[in-house]
N, C-alpha and C. Protein backbone atom coordinates (compact mmCIF):
# COMPACT_ATOMS: atom_id res chain seq x y z
N MET A 1 -4.50 -6.67 5.18
CA MET A 1 -3.10 -6.29 5.36
C MET A 1 -2.30 -7.47 5.93
N ASN A 2 -1.01 -7.45 5.65
CA ASN A 2 -0.12 -8.46 6.17
C ASN A 2 0.82 -7.82 7.20
N TYR A 3 1.79 -8.60 7.68
CA TYR A 3 2.60 -8.20 8.82
C TYR A 3 3.29 -6.85 8.66
N LEU A 4 4.02 -6.66 7.56
CA LEU A 4 4.81 -5.43 7.44
C LEU A 4 3.91 -4.21 7.30
N ALA A 5 2.87 -4.31 6.49
CA ALA A 5 1.97 -3.17 6.31
C ALA A 5 1.31 -2.77 7.62
N HIS A 6 0.97 -3.76 8.45
CA HIS A 6 0.39 -3.45 9.76
C HIS A 6 1.41 -2.81 10.70
N GLY A 7 2.65 -3.29 10.66
CA GLY A 7 3.55 -2.99 11.76
C GLY A 7 4.72 -2.08 11.53
N TRP A 8 5.07 -1.77 10.27
CA TRP A 8 6.34 -1.07 10.05
C TRP A 8 6.41 0.29 10.72
N ARG A 9 5.27 0.95 10.87
CA ARG A 9 5.27 2.29 11.50
C ARG A 9 5.57 2.24 12.99
N PHE A 10 5.54 1.03 13.57
CA PHE A 10 5.71 0.88 15.02
C PHE A 10 7.02 0.20 15.37
N ALA A 11 8.01 0.30 14.48
CA ALA A 11 9.29 -0.36 14.74
C ALA A 11 9.97 0.18 15.99
N SER A 12 9.67 1.41 16.38
CA SER A 12 10.25 1.97 17.60
C SER A 12 9.45 1.59 18.85
N GLU A 13 8.33 0.89 18.67
CA GLU A 13 7.49 0.43 19.79
C GLU A 13 7.26 -1.08 19.61
N PRO A 14 8.24 -1.90 19.96
CA PRO A 14 8.17 -3.32 19.63
C PRO A 14 6.92 -4.05 20.11
N TYR A 15 6.40 -3.68 21.28
CA TYR A 15 5.24 -4.41 21.79
C TYR A 15 3.95 -3.99 21.08
N VAL A 16 3.89 -2.75 20.61
CA VAL A 16 2.76 -2.36 19.76
C VAL A 16 2.86 -3.12 18.44
N LEU A 17 4.07 -3.18 17.87
CA LEU A 17 4.28 -3.94 16.65
C LEU A 17 3.85 -5.40 16.84
N ALA A 18 4.22 -6.00 17.97
CA ALA A 18 3.80 -7.37 18.25
C ALA A 18 2.28 -7.49 18.29
N GLY A 19 1.61 -6.49 18.84
CA GLY A 19 0.16 -6.51 18.86
C GLY A 19 -0.46 -6.46 17.48
N THR A 20 0.19 -5.73 16.56
CA THR A 20 -0.35 -5.69 15.20
C THR A 20 -0.21 -7.04 14.51
N ALA A 21 0.76 -7.85 14.94
CA ALA A 21 0.97 -9.18 14.35
C ALA A 21 0.16 -10.26 15.05
N ALA A 22 -0.21 -10.03 16.30
CA ALA A 22 -0.78 -11.09 17.12
C ALA A 22 -2.04 -11.75 16.55
N PRO A 23 -3.00 -11.01 15.97
CA PRO A 23 -4.16 -11.71 15.39
C PRO A 23 -3.78 -12.70 14.30
N ASP A 24 -2.76 -12.35 13.50
CA ASP A 24 -2.32 -13.27 12.45
C ASP A 24 -1.50 -14.42 13.02
N TRP A 25 -0.74 -14.17 14.08
CA TRP A 25 -0.04 -15.28 14.74
C TRP A 25 -1.05 -16.30 15.24
N LEU A 26 -2.15 -15.84 15.80
CA LEU A 26 -3.15 -16.77 16.31
C LEU A 26 -3.80 -17.57 15.18
N SER A 27 -3.92 -16.99 14.00
CA SER A 27 -4.49 -17.74 12.88
C SER A 27 -3.58 -18.89 12.47
N VAL A 28 -2.30 -18.77 12.79
CA VAL A 28 -1.34 -19.86 12.53
C VAL A 28 -1.43 -20.90 13.64
N ILE A 29 -1.53 -20.45 14.87
CA ILE A 29 -1.49 -21.35 16.04
C ILE A 29 -2.81 -22.06 16.26
N ASP A 30 -3.90 -21.31 16.26
CA ASP A 30 -5.22 -21.87 16.55
C ASP A 30 -6.28 -20.92 16.02
N ARG A 31 -6.87 -21.26 14.88
CA ARG A 31 -7.82 -20.36 14.23
C ARG A 31 -9.12 -20.18 15.03
N LYS A 32 -9.31 -20.99 16.07
CA LYS A 32 -10.51 -20.85 16.89
C LYS A 32 -10.37 -19.74 17.93
N ILE A 33 -9.14 -19.31 18.18
CA ILE A 33 -8.92 -18.26 19.19
C ILE A 33 -8.85 -16.91 18.48
N ARG A 34 -9.58 -15.94 18.98
CA ARG A 34 -9.65 -14.62 18.36
C ARG A 34 -9.17 -13.55 19.34
N LEU A 35 -8.53 -12.55 18.78
CA LEU A 35 -8.24 -11.33 19.53
C LEU A 35 -9.17 -10.25 19.01
N ARG A 36 -10.12 -9.87 19.84
CA ARG A 36 -11.15 -8.93 19.39
C ARG A 36 -10.79 -7.51 19.80
N SER A 37 -11.08 -6.60 18.90
CA SER A 37 -10.75 -5.20 19.13
C SER A 37 -11.45 -4.66 20.37
N ARG A 38 -12.72 -5.03 20.55
CA ARG A 38 -13.48 -4.51 21.69
C ARG A 38 -12.85 -4.92 23.02
N THR A 39 -12.40 -6.16 23.11
CA THR A 39 -11.74 -6.61 24.33
C THR A 39 -10.40 -5.93 24.52
N ALA A 40 -9.61 -5.85 23.43
CA ALA A 40 -8.29 -5.21 23.53
C ALA A 40 -8.41 -3.75 23.94
N ALA A 41 -9.45 -3.08 23.46
CA ALA A 41 -9.62 -1.65 23.77
C ALA A 41 -9.74 -1.41 25.28
N GLU A 42 -10.18 -2.40 26.02
CA GLU A 42 -10.32 -2.25 27.47
C GLU A 42 -8.97 -2.20 28.18
N PHE A 43 -7.88 -2.57 27.46
CA PHE A 43 -6.56 -2.67 28.08
C PHE A 43 -5.55 -1.65 27.55
N VAL A 44 -5.99 -0.75 26.67
CA VAL A 44 -5.01 0.15 26.04
C VAL A 44 -4.40 1.13 27.05
N ASP A 45 -5.05 1.35 28.15
CA ASP A 45 -4.50 2.24 29.19
C ASP A 45 -4.12 1.47 30.45
N ASP A 46 -3.91 0.18 30.32
CA ASP A 46 -3.58 -0.65 31.47
C ASP A 46 -2.25 -0.22 32.10
N ALA A 47 -2.15 -0.41 33.40
CA ALA A 47 -0.90 -0.06 34.11
C ALA A 47 0.27 -0.94 33.69
N ASP A 48 -0.02 -2.12 33.17
CA ASP A 48 1.02 -3.02 32.65
C ASP A 48 1.40 -2.50 31.26
N ASP A 49 2.60 -1.94 31.14
CA ASP A 49 3.01 -1.31 29.88
C ASP A 49 3.02 -2.29 28.71
N THR A 50 3.45 -3.52 28.97
CA THR A 50 3.49 -4.50 27.88
C THR A 50 2.10 -4.85 27.41
N LEU A 51 1.20 -5.10 28.36
CA LEU A 51 -0.18 -5.43 28.02
C LEU A 51 -0.83 -4.27 27.27
N SER A 52 -0.61 -3.05 27.75
CA SER A 52 -1.18 -1.87 27.11
C SER A 52 -0.69 -1.73 25.67
N ALA A 53 0.61 -1.93 25.46
CA ALA A 53 1.18 -1.77 24.12
C ALA A 53 0.66 -2.84 23.16
N VAL A 54 0.62 -4.08 23.62
CA VAL A 54 0.10 -5.16 22.77
C VAL A 54 -1.37 -4.90 22.44
N ALA A 55 -2.13 -4.45 23.42
CA ALA A 55 -3.54 -4.13 23.19
C ALA A 55 -3.70 -3.04 22.14
N ARG A 56 -2.86 -2.01 22.21
CA ARG A 56 -2.94 -0.94 21.21
C ARG A 56 -2.63 -1.47 19.81
N GLY A 57 -1.70 -2.41 19.74
CA GLY A 57 -1.39 -3.01 18.45
C GLY A 57 -2.54 -3.83 17.90
N VAL A 58 -3.22 -4.57 18.76
CA VAL A 58 -4.37 -5.36 18.33
C VAL A 58 -5.48 -4.45 17.81
N VAL A 59 -5.76 -3.39 18.53
CA VAL A 59 -6.78 -2.43 18.09
C VAL A 59 -6.38 -1.83 16.73
N GLN A 60 -5.11 -1.50 16.58
CA GLN A 60 -4.62 -0.95 15.32
C GLN A 60 -4.79 -1.95 14.18
N HIS A 61 -4.48 -3.20 14.44
CA HIS A 61 -4.63 -4.25 13.42
C HIS A 61 -6.05 -4.28 12.87
N HIS A 62 -7.03 -4.30 13.77
CA HIS A 62 -8.42 -4.40 13.33
C HIS A 62 -8.88 -3.12 12.63
N ALA A 63 -8.41 -1.97 13.09
CA ALA A 63 -8.76 -0.72 12.40
C ALA A 63 -8.17 -0.70 11.00
N ASP A 64 -6.93 -1.14 10.87
CA ASP A 64 -6.29 -1.21 9.56
C ASP A 64 -7.09 -2.10 8.61
N ASP A 65 -7.42 -3.30 9.09
CA ASP A 65 -8.12 -4.24 8.22
C ASP A 65 -9.48 -3.73 7.80
N ALA A 66 -10.16 -3.03 8.70
CA ALA A 66 -11.51 -2.54 8.39
C ALA A 66 -11.49 -1.59 7.20
N TRP A 67 -10.55 -0.64 7.20
CA TRP A 67 -10.54 0.29 6.06
C TRP A 67 -9.86 -0.31 4.84
N PHE A 68 -8.83 -1.14 5.06
CA PHE A 68 -8.10 -1.72 3.93
C PHE A 68 -9.02 -2.58 3.06
N HIS A 69 -9.81 -3.44 3.70
CA HIS A 69 -10.67 -4.34 2.93
C HIS A 69 -11.85 -3.61 2.29
N ALA A 70 -12.07 -2.36 2.68
CA ALA A 70 -13.13 -1.58 2.06
C ALA A 70 -12.63 -0.69 0.92
N THR A 71 -11.32 -0.63 0.71
CA THR A 71 -10.80 0.27 -0.33
C THR A 71 -11.15 -0.25 -1.72
N PRO A 72 -11.46 0.65 -2.66
CA PRO A 72 -11.68 0.22 -4.04
C PRO A 72 -10.47 -0.51 -4.61
N ALA A 73 -9.26 -0.06 -4.28
CA ALA A 73 -8.07 -0.68 -4.83
C ALA A 73 -7.97 -2.15 -4.43
N PHE A 74 -8.19 -2.44 -3.15
CA PHE A 74 -8.12 -3.84 -2.71
C PHE A 74 -9.19 -4.67 -3.39
N ASN A 75 -10.41 -4.19 -3.43
CA ASN A 75 -11.49 -4.99 -3.99
C ASN A 75 -11.34 -5.19 -5.49
N GLU A 76 -10.89 -4.16 -6.19
CA GLU A 76 -10.70 -4.29 -7.64
C GLU A 76 -9.55 -5.25 -7.95
N LEU A 77 -8.44 -5.10 -7.24
CA LEU A 77 -7.28 -5.95 -7.51
C LEU A 77 -7.58 -7.40 -7.14
N SER A 78 -8.14 -7.63 -5.96
CA SER A 78 -8.36 -9.01 -5.53
C SER A 78 -9.34 -9.73 -6.45
N LEU A 79 -10.37 -9.04 -6.93
CA LEU A 79 -11.32 -9.65 -7.85
C LEU A 79 -10.65 -9.96 -9.18
N ARG A 80 -9.89 -8.99 -9.72
CA ARG A 80 -9.20 -9.19 -10.98
C ARG A 80 -8.21 -10.35 -10.88
N PHE A 81 -7.44 -10.39 -9.80
CA PHE A 81 -6.45 -11.45 -9.64
C PHE A 81 -7.14 -12.81 -9.51
N ALA A 82 -8.25 -12.87 -8.78
CA ALA A 82 -8.97 -14.13 -8.64
C ALA A 82 -9.43 -14.65 -10.00
N MET A 83 -9.92 -13.76 -10.84
CA MET A 83 -10.38 -14.16 -12.17
C MET A 83 -9.20 -14.67 -13.02
N GLU A 84 -8.08 -13.97 -12.94
CA GLU A 84 -6.91 -14.38 -13.72
C GLU A 84 -6.35 -15.71 -13.21
N ILE A 85 -6.34 -15.88 -11.91
CA ILE A 85 -5.84 -17.13 -11.32
C ILE A 85 -6.76 -18.30 -11.70
N ARG A 86 -8.07 -18.07 -11.66
CA ARG A 86 -9.01 -19.14 -12.03
C ARG A 86 -8.79 -19.55 -13.48
N ALA A 87 -8.55 -18.56 -14.35
CA ALA A 87 -8.32 -18.87 -15.76
C ALA A 87 -7.01 -19.63 -15.96
N ALA A 88 -6.03 -19.36 -15.10
CA ALA A 88 -4.72 -19.99 -15.24
C ALA A 88 -4.66 -21.37 -14.59
N LEU A 89 -5.68 -21.72 -13.80
CA LEU A 89 -5.73 -23.02 -13.12
C LEU A 89 -6.97 -23.76 -13.59
N PRO A 90 -6.92 -24.34 -14.79
CA PRO A 90 -8.11 -24.97 -15.37
C PRO A 90 -8.73 -26.01 -14.44
N GLY A 91 -10.05 -25.94 -14.35
CA GLY A 91 -10.78 -26.90 -13.53
C GLY A 91 -10.87 -26.53 -12.07
N ASP A 92 -10.22 -25.45 -11.66
CA ASP A 92 -10.28 -25.05 -10.25
C ASP A 92 -11.48 -24.14 -10.05
N GLU A 93 -12.60 -24.72 -9.71
CA GLU A 93 -13.82 -23.95 -9.48
C GLU A 93 -14.09 -23.76 -7.99
N GLY A 94 -13.11 -24.12 -7.17
CA GLY A 94 -13.29 -24.01 -5.74
C GLY A 94 -12.90 -22.65 -5.19
N PHE A 95 -12.51 -22.68 -3.91
CA PHE A 95 -12.25 -21.45 -3.16
C PHE A 95 -10.85 -20.90 -3.43
N ARG A 96 -9.93 -21.73 -3.95
CA ARG A 96 -8.53 -21.35 -4.03
C ARG A 96 -8.29 -20.05 -4.81
N PRO A 97 -8.86 -19.84 -6.01
CA PRO A 97 -8.58 -18.59 -6.72
C PRO A 97 -9.00 -17.33 -5.95
N SER A 98 -10.18 -17.39 -5.31
CA SER A 98 -10.63 -16.23 -4.54
C SER A 98 -9.72 -15.96 -3.35
N PHE A 99 -9.34 -17.04 -2.66
CA PHE A 99 -8.43 -16.91 -1.52
C PHE A 99 -7.09 -16.33 -1.97
N LEU A 100 -6.57 -16.83 -3.08
CA LEU A 100 -5.30 -16.32 -3.59
C LEU A 100 -5.41 -14.87 -4.04
N GLY A 101 -6.51 -14.53 -4.70
CA GLY A 101 -6.69 -13.14 -5.13
C GLY A 101 -6.62 -12.17 -3.98
N HIS A 102 -7.09 -12.61 -2.82
CA HIS A 102 -7.05 -11.81 -1.59
C HIS A 102 -5.63 -11.72 -1.05
N ILE A 103 -5.00 -12.87 -0.85
CA ILE A 103 -3.73 -12.84 -0.11
C ILE A 103 -2.57 -12.31 -0.94
N VAL A 104 -2.62 -12.45 -2.27
CA VAL A 104 -1.48 -11.92 -3.04
C VAL A 104 -1.43 -10.40 -2.97
N VAL A 105 -2.59 -9.75 -2.84
CA VAL A 105 -2.58 -8.30 -2.66
C VAL A 105 -1.85 -7.96 -1.36
N GLU A 106 -2.17 -8.67 -0.30
CA GLU A 106 -1.58 -8.37 1.00
C GLU A 106 -0.09 -8.67 1.05
N LEU A 107 0.30 -9.82 0.53
CA LEU A 107 1.72 -10.18 0.56
C LEU A 107 2.56 -9.27 -0.33
N LEU A 108 2.02 -8.94 -1.49
CA LEU A 108 2.80 -8.10 -2.41
C LEU A 108 2.75 -6.62 -2.01
N LEU A 109 1.80 -6.24 -1.18
CA LEU A 109 1.86 -4.89 -0.61
C LEU A 109 3.03 -4.81 0.37
N ASP A 110 3.25 -5.87 1.16
CA ASP A 110 4.44 -5.91 2.01
C ASP A 110 5.70 -5.80 1.16
N ALA A 111 5.73 -6.53 0.03
CA ALA A 111 6.89 -6.47 -0.85
C ALA A 111 7.10 -5.06 -1.39
N ALA A 112 6.01 -4.39 -1.75
CA ALA A 112 6.13 -3.03 -2.28
C ALA A 112 6.71 -2.08 -1.23
N LEU A 113 6.27 -2.23 0.01
CA LEU A 113 6.82 -1.40 1.09
C LEU A 113 8.32 -1.64 1.26
N ALA A 114 8.72 -2.91 1.17
CA ALA A 114 10.14 -3.25 1.33
C ALA A 114 10.96 -2.80 0.13
N GLU A 115 10.40 -2.90 -1.06
CA GLU A 115 11.10 -2.44 -2.26
C GLU A 115 11.36 -0.94 -2.18
N GLU A 116 10.38 -0.22 -1.66
CA GLU A 116 10.51 1.23 -1.55
C GLU A 116 11.61 1.61 -0.57
N ASP A 117 11.75 0.83 0.52
CA ASP A 117 12.78 1.10 1.52
C ASP A 117 12.99 -0.18 2.33
N GLN A 118 14.05 -0.94 2.01
CA GLN A 118 14.26 -2.22 2.68
C GLN A 118 14.56 -2.05 4.17
N ARG A 119 14.91 -0.83 4.61
CA ARG A 119 15.11 -0.63 6.03
C ARG A 119 13.84 -0.92 6.82
N ARG A 120 12.70 -0.83 6.15
CA ARG A 120 11.45 -1.14 6.85
C ARG A 120 11.43 -2.59 7.31
N LEU A 121 11.87 -3.49 6.45
CA LEU A 121 11.95 -4.89 6.85
C LEU A 121 13.02 -5.11 7.91
N ASP A 122 14.18 -4.50 7.71
CA ASP A 122 15.26 -4.64 8.69
C ASP A 122 14.82 -4.15 10.06
N ASN A 123 14.14 -3.01 10.08
CA ASN A 123 13.68 -2.44 11.35
C ASN A 123 12.57 -3.28 11.98
N TYR A 124 11.74 -3.87 11.12
CA TYR A 124 10.65 -4.72 11.63
C TYR A 124 11.23 -5.90 12.39
N TYR A 125 12.20 -6.56 11.79
CA TYR A 125 12.79 -7.72 12.45
C TYR A 125 13.63 -7.32 13.67
N ALA A 126 14.25 -6.15 13.62
CA ALA A 126 14.99 -5.67 14.79
C ALA A 126 14.04 -5.44 15.96
N ALA A 127 12.84 -4.94 15.67
CA ALA A 127 11.84 -4.73 16.72
C ALA A 127 11.40 -6.07 17.32
N LEU A 128 11.18 -7.06 16.47
CA LEU A 128 10.80 -8.38 16.98
C LEU A 128 11.91 -8.97 17.85
N ALA A 129 13.16 -8.75 17.45
CA ALA A 129 14.28 -9.28 18.22
C ALA A 129 14.40 -8.62 19.59
N ALA A 130 13.82 -7.42 19.74
CA ALA A 130 13.88 -6.71 21.02
C ALA A 130 12.81 -7.17 22.00
N LEU A 131 11.88 -8.01 21.55
CA LEU A 131 10.80 -8.46 22.41
C LEU A 131 11.27 -9.49 23.43
N GLU A 132 10.54 -9.55 24.53
CA GLU A 132 10.62 -10.70 25.44
C GLU A 132 9.42 -11.58 25.09
N PRO A 133 9.62 -12.64 24.30
CA PRO A 133 8.47 -13.42 23.78
C PRO A 133 7.53 -13.94 24.86
N ALA A 134 8.06 -14.34 26.01
CA ALA A 134 7.19 -14.85 27.06
C ALA A 134 6.21 -13.77 27.53
N SER A 135 6.67 -12.52 27.58
CA SER A 135 5.79 -11.42 27.99
C SER A 135 4.69 -11.19 26.95
N VAL A 136 5.04 -11.34 25.67
CA VAL A 136 4.04 -11.20 24.62
C VAL A 136 3.00 -12.31 24.74
N GLU A 137 3.45 -13.52 25.02
CA GLU A 137 2.52 -14.64 25.16
C GLU A 137 1.56 -14.40 26.32
N ARG A 138 2.07 -13.87 27.42
CA ARG A 138 1.18 -13.59 28.56
C ARG A 138 0.17 -12.51 28.20
N ALA A 139 0.62 -11.48 27.50
CA ALA A 139 -0.30 -10.40 27.12
C ALA A 139 -1.37 -10.90 26.16
N VAL A 140 -0.97 -11.69 25.18
CA VAL A 140 -1.93 -12.22 24.23
C VAL A 140 -2.94 -13.13 24.93
N SER A 141 -2.49 -13.93 25.88
CA SER A 141 -3.40 -14.79 26.64
C SER A 141 -4.42 -13.95 27.40
N ARG A 142 -3.97 -12.85 27.97
CA ARG A 142 -4.89 -11.97 28.71
C ARG A 142 -5.94 -11.37 27.76
N LEU A 143 -5.50 -10.95 26.59
CA LEU A 143 -6.42 -10.32 25.65
C LEU A 143 -7.36 -11.32 25.01
N ALA A 144 -6.88 -12.56 24.86
CA ALA A 144 -7.73 -13.61 24.29
C ALA A 144 -8.67 -14.20 25.33
N THR A 145 -8.47 -13.82 26.60
CA THR A 145 -9.26 -14.29 27.74
C THR A 145 -9.17 -15.80 27.93
N ARG A 146 -8.07 -16.39 27.46
CA ARG A 146 -7.81 -17.81 27.67
C ARG A 146 -6.32 -18.04 27.44
N PRO A 147 -5.74 -19.07 28.04
CA PRO A 147 -4.31 -19.31 27.82
C PRO A 147 -4.02 -19.58 26.34
N VAL A 148 -2.98 -18.94 25.84
CA VAL A 148 -2.53 -19.15 24.46
C VAL A 148 -1.09 -19.65 24.52
N GLU A 149 -0.89 -20.83 24.02
CA GLU A 149 0.45 -21.40 24.00
C GLU A 149 1.07 -21.23 22.62
N ARG A 150 2.40 -21.33 22.57
CA ARG A 150 3.18 -21.35 21.33
C ARG A 150 3.45 -19.98 20.72
N ILE A 151 2.95 -18.88 21.31
CA ILE A 151 3.32 -17.56 20.80
C ILE A 151 4.83 -17.36 20.96
N GLU A 152 5.35 -17.73 22.11
CA GLU A 152 6.78 -17.56 22.36
C GLU A 152 7.59 -18.32 21.31
N ALA A 153 7.23 -19.56 21.04
CA ALA A 153 7.96 -20.36 20.05
C ALA A 153 7.78 -19.79 18.64
N LEU A 154 6.58 -19.29 18.35
CA LEU A 154 6.32 -18.76 17.01
C LEU A 154 7.16 -17.52 16.74
N ILE A 155 7.31 -16.65 17.73
CA ILE A 155 8.16 -15.47 17.55
C ILE A 155 9.59 -15.89 17.22
N GLY A 156 10.08 -16.92 17.90
CA GLY A 156 11.41 -17.42 17.60
C GLY A 156 11.52 -17.93 16.17
N ARG A 157 10.50 -18.66 15.72
CA ARG A 157 10.50 -19.17 14.36
C ARG A 157 10.41 -18.04 13.34
N PHE A 158 9.61 -17.05 13.66
CA PHE A 158 9.42 -15.88 12.80
C PHE A 158 10.76 -15.18 12.58
N LEU A 159 11.52 -15.03 13.66
CA LEU A 159 12.83 -14.39 13.57
C LEU A 159 13.83 -15.25 12.82
N GLU A 160 13.74 -16.56 12.99
CA GLU A 160 14.68 -17.46 12.34
C GLU A 160 14.44 -17.54 10.83
N GLU A 161 13.18 -17.64 10.43
CA GLU A 161 12.87 -17.82 9.01
C GLU A 161 12.92 -16.52 8.21
N ARG A 162 12.55 -15.41 8.84
CA ARG A 162 12.59 -14.09 8.18
C ARG A 162 11.93 -14.16 6.80
N PHE A 163 10.76 -14.78 6.77
CA PHE A 163 10.14 -15.07 5.48
C PHE A 163 9.58 -13.84 4.76
N LEU A 164 9.45 -12.73 5.46
CA LEU A 164 8.95 -11.53 4.77
C LEU A 164 9.90 -11.08 3.67
N TYR A 165 11.18 -11.38 3.81
CA TYR A 165 12.13 -11.07 2.75
C TYR A 165 11.85 -11.90 1.49
N ASP A 166 11.24 -13.08 1.65
CA ASP A 166 10.98 -13.95 0.51
C ASP A 166 9.98 -13.35 -0.46
N TYR A 167 9.15 -12.43 0.02
CA TYR A 167 8.13 -11.84 -0.85
C TYR A 167 8.75 -10.99 -1.97
N LEU A 168 10.02 -10.65 -1.81
CA LEU A 168 10.69 -9.82 -2.82
C LEU A 168 11.13 -10.61 -4.05
N ASP A 169 11.08 -11.94 -3.96
CA ASP A 169 11.55 -12.80 -5.04
C ASP A 169 10.39 -13.69 -5.51
N ASP A 170 10.15 -13.76 -6.81
CA ASP A 170 8.98 -14.49 -7.32
C ASP A 170 9.01 -15.97 -6.94
N GLY A 171 10.16 -16.61 -7.07
CA GLY A 171 10.25 -18.03 -6.76
C GLY A 171 10.03 -18.32 -5.29
N ARG A 172 10.63 -17.51 -4.44
CA ARG A 172 10.46 -17.73 -3.00
C ARG A 172 9.04 -17.37 -2.56
N LEU A 173 8.45 -16.38 -3.24
CA LEU A 173 7.05 -16.06 -2.94
C LEU A 173 6.15 -17.25 -3.26
N LEU A 174 6.38 -17.92 -4.38
CA LEU A 174 5.58 -19.09 -4.72
C LEU A 174 5.73 -20.17 -3.65
N THR A 175 6.93 -20.36 -3.17
CA THR A 175 7.14 -21.33 -2.09
C THR A 175 6.33 -20.96 -0.86
N ARG A 176 6.35 -19.68 -0.49
CA ARG A 176 5.59 -19.23 0.68
C ARG A 176 4.09 -19.37 0.46
N LEU A 177 3.62 -19.10 -0.75
CA LEU A 177 2.19 -19.28 -1.04
C LEU A 177 1.79 -20.74 -0.87
N ASN A 178 2.66 -21.64 -1.28
CA ASN A 178 2.34 -23.06 -1.11
C ASN A 178 2.38 -23.48 0.35
N HIS A 179 3.20 -22.82 1.17
CA HIS A 179 3.13 -23.07 2.61
C HIS A 179 1.75 -22.69 3.15
N VAL A 180 1.24 -21.55 2.67
CA VAL A 180 -0.09 -21.11 3.11
C VAL A 180 -1.15 -22.09 2.62
N MET A 181 -1.04 -22.52 1.37
CA MET A 181 -2.01 -23.49 0.83
C MET A 181 -2.05 -24.75 1.70
N ARG A 182 -0.88 -25.23 2.08
CA ARG A 182 -0.81 -26.43 2.92
C ARG A 182 -1.47 -26.18 4.28
N ARG A 183 -1.20 -25.00 4.84
CA ARG A 183 -1.73 -24.72 6.19
C ARG A 183 -3.25 -24.64 6.20
N VAL A 184 -3.84 -24.10 5.11
CA VAL A 184 -5.30 -23.94 5.10
C VAL A 184 -6.01 -25.10 4.39
N GLY A 185 -5.24 -26.11 3.95
CA GLY A 185 -5.85 -27.30 3.37
C GLY A 185 -6.27 -27.17 1.93
N LEU A 186 -5.62 -26.28 1.17
CA LEU A 186 -5.93 -26.11 -0.25
C LEU A 186 -4.83 -26.75 -1.09
N PRO A 187 -5.15 -27.13 -2.35
CA PRO A 187 -4.15 -27.78 -3.20
C PRO A 187 -2.95 -26.87 -3.47
N GLN A 188 -1.80 -27.50 -3.66
CA GLN A 188 -0.58 -26.77 -3.97
C GLN A 188 -0.67 -26.10 -5.35
N LEU A 189 0.04 -25.01 -5.49
CA LEU A 189 0.08 -24.31 -6.77
C LEU A 189 1.14 -24.94 -7.67
N PRO A 190 0.86 -25.04 -8.97
CA PRO A 190 1.84 -25.62 -9.88
C PRO A 190 2.99 -24.66 -10.14
N PRO A 191 4.14 -25.18 -10.60
CA PRO A 191 5.31 -24.32 -10.87
C PRO A 191 5.02 -23.18 -11.83
N ASN A 192 4.13 -23.40 -12.82
CA ASN A 192 3.89 -22.34 -13.80
C ASN A 192 3.07 -21.17 -13.23
N PHE A 193 2.61 -21.29 -11.99
CA PHE A 193 1.93 -20.16 -11.36
C PHE A 193 2.87 -18.95 -11.27
N ILE A 194 4.17 -19.21 -11.25
CA ILE A 194 5.14 -18.13 -11.13
C ILE A 194 5.04 -17.15 -12.29
N GLU A 195 4.51 -17.61 -13.43
CA GLU A 195 4.37 -16.72 -14.59
C GLU A 195 3.38 -15.59 -14.35
N LEU A 196 2.46 -15.78 -13.42
CA LEU A 196 1.47 -14.73 -13.11
C LEU A 196 2.03 -13.66 -12.18
N ILE A 197 3.05 -13.99 -11.43
CA ILE A 197 3.47 -13.13 -10.32
C ILE A 197 4.00 -11.77 -10.77
N PRO A 198 4.85 -11.66 -11.80
CA PRO A 198 5.38 -10.33 -12.14
C PRO A 198 4.30 -9.29 -12.45
N SER A 199 3.28 -9.68 -13.20
CA SER A 199 2.21 -8.73 -13.53
C SER A 199 1.41 -8.35 -12.28
N ILE A 200 1.11 -9.35 -11.44
CA ILE A 200 0.39 -9.06 -10.20
C ILE A 200 1.21 -8.14 -9.31
N ARG A 201 2.49 -8.44 -9.20
CA ARG A 201 3.38 -7.62 -8.38
C ARG A 201 3.37 -6.17 -8.86
N GLN A 202 3.47 -5.97 -10.16
CA GLN A 202 3.53 -4.61 -10.71
C GLN A 202 2.25 -3.84 -10.43
N ARG A 203 1.11 -4.49 -10.56
CA ARG A 203 -0.15 -3.79 -10.34
C ARG A 203 -0.37 -3.44 -8.87
N VAL A 204 0.06 -4.31 -7.97
CA VAL A 204 -0.01 -3.95 -6.55
C VAL A 204 0.92 -2.78 -6.26
N ARG A 205 2.12 -2.82 -6.81
CA ARG A 205 3.08 -1.73 -6.63
C ARG A 205 2.49 -0.40 -7.11
N GLU A 206 1.83 -0.42 -8.26
CA GLU A 206 1.27 0.81 -8.84
C GLU A 206 0.16 1.41 -7.99
N ARG A 207 -0.54 0.57 -7.22
CA ARG A 207 -1.66 1.06 -6.43
C ARG A 207 -1.37 1.03 -4.93
N SER A 208 -0.10 0.91 -4.59
CA SER A 208 0.26 0.79 -3.17
C SER A 208 -0.16 2.00 -2.36
N THR A 209 -0.08 3.19 -2.93
CA THR A 209 -0.49 4.39 -2.19
C THR A 209 -1.96 4.32 -1.82
N GLU A 210 -2.80 3.88 -2.77
CA GLU A 210 -4.23 3.75 -2.49
C GLU A 210 -4.49 2.70 -1.42
N LEU A 211 -3.66 1.66 -1.41
CA LEU A 211 -3.85 0.56 -0.46
C LEU A 211 -3.35 0.91 0.94
N LEU A 212 -2.59 1.97 1.04
CA LEU A 212 -2.00 2.34 2.34
C LEU A 212 -2.56 3.64 2.90
N THR A 213 -3.50 4.25 2.19
CA THR A 213 -4.04 5.55 2.64
C THR A 213 -5.50 5.41 2.99
N PRO A 214 -5.83 5.56 4.27
CA PRO A 214 -7.25 5.43 4.67
C PRO A 214 -8.13 6.50 4.03
């Protein structure tokens, strides 16, 4: 799952929503630091309301991912997309098609949720804007059991770029995919990759209910 699918139900609880995003924020900041569900579970009833809410979000994130990645819909779509992407990128026998087959399901599921009701995206960003980022950074550091820097700055960047809206447009989605490729050290996607996106988008949309129902 990606940000919106994890968090849209918690727009009225901004710090829980932040917790659902925090494991993915850490993958951007420092992939060596993990937020583990078992550790977070120890803080869900903490007297510190912010820490408790962020912890509940982290636990929710991991529970979501556990069932999502086990669904037939996710596994069938990601495998099919990986095969199609490999065929469309001649000579690419590496990890990139499999990685893309995985992440396009997640990103386009966010798009499907927003297409169904764009208020979900608007409310998601409104919830992020209601946060005190420094408090989130302190809570994440406590849950990670080590100081975590740059969460505060990342939340600001997240609000400024509002990149989840880009998933609704094929061209902007390709740009965002190439940002991910750069971040994980994989080759950039060629411009003609955009030709694959409409069909992939439609198939994720058609199976969105299966992808969102445990």
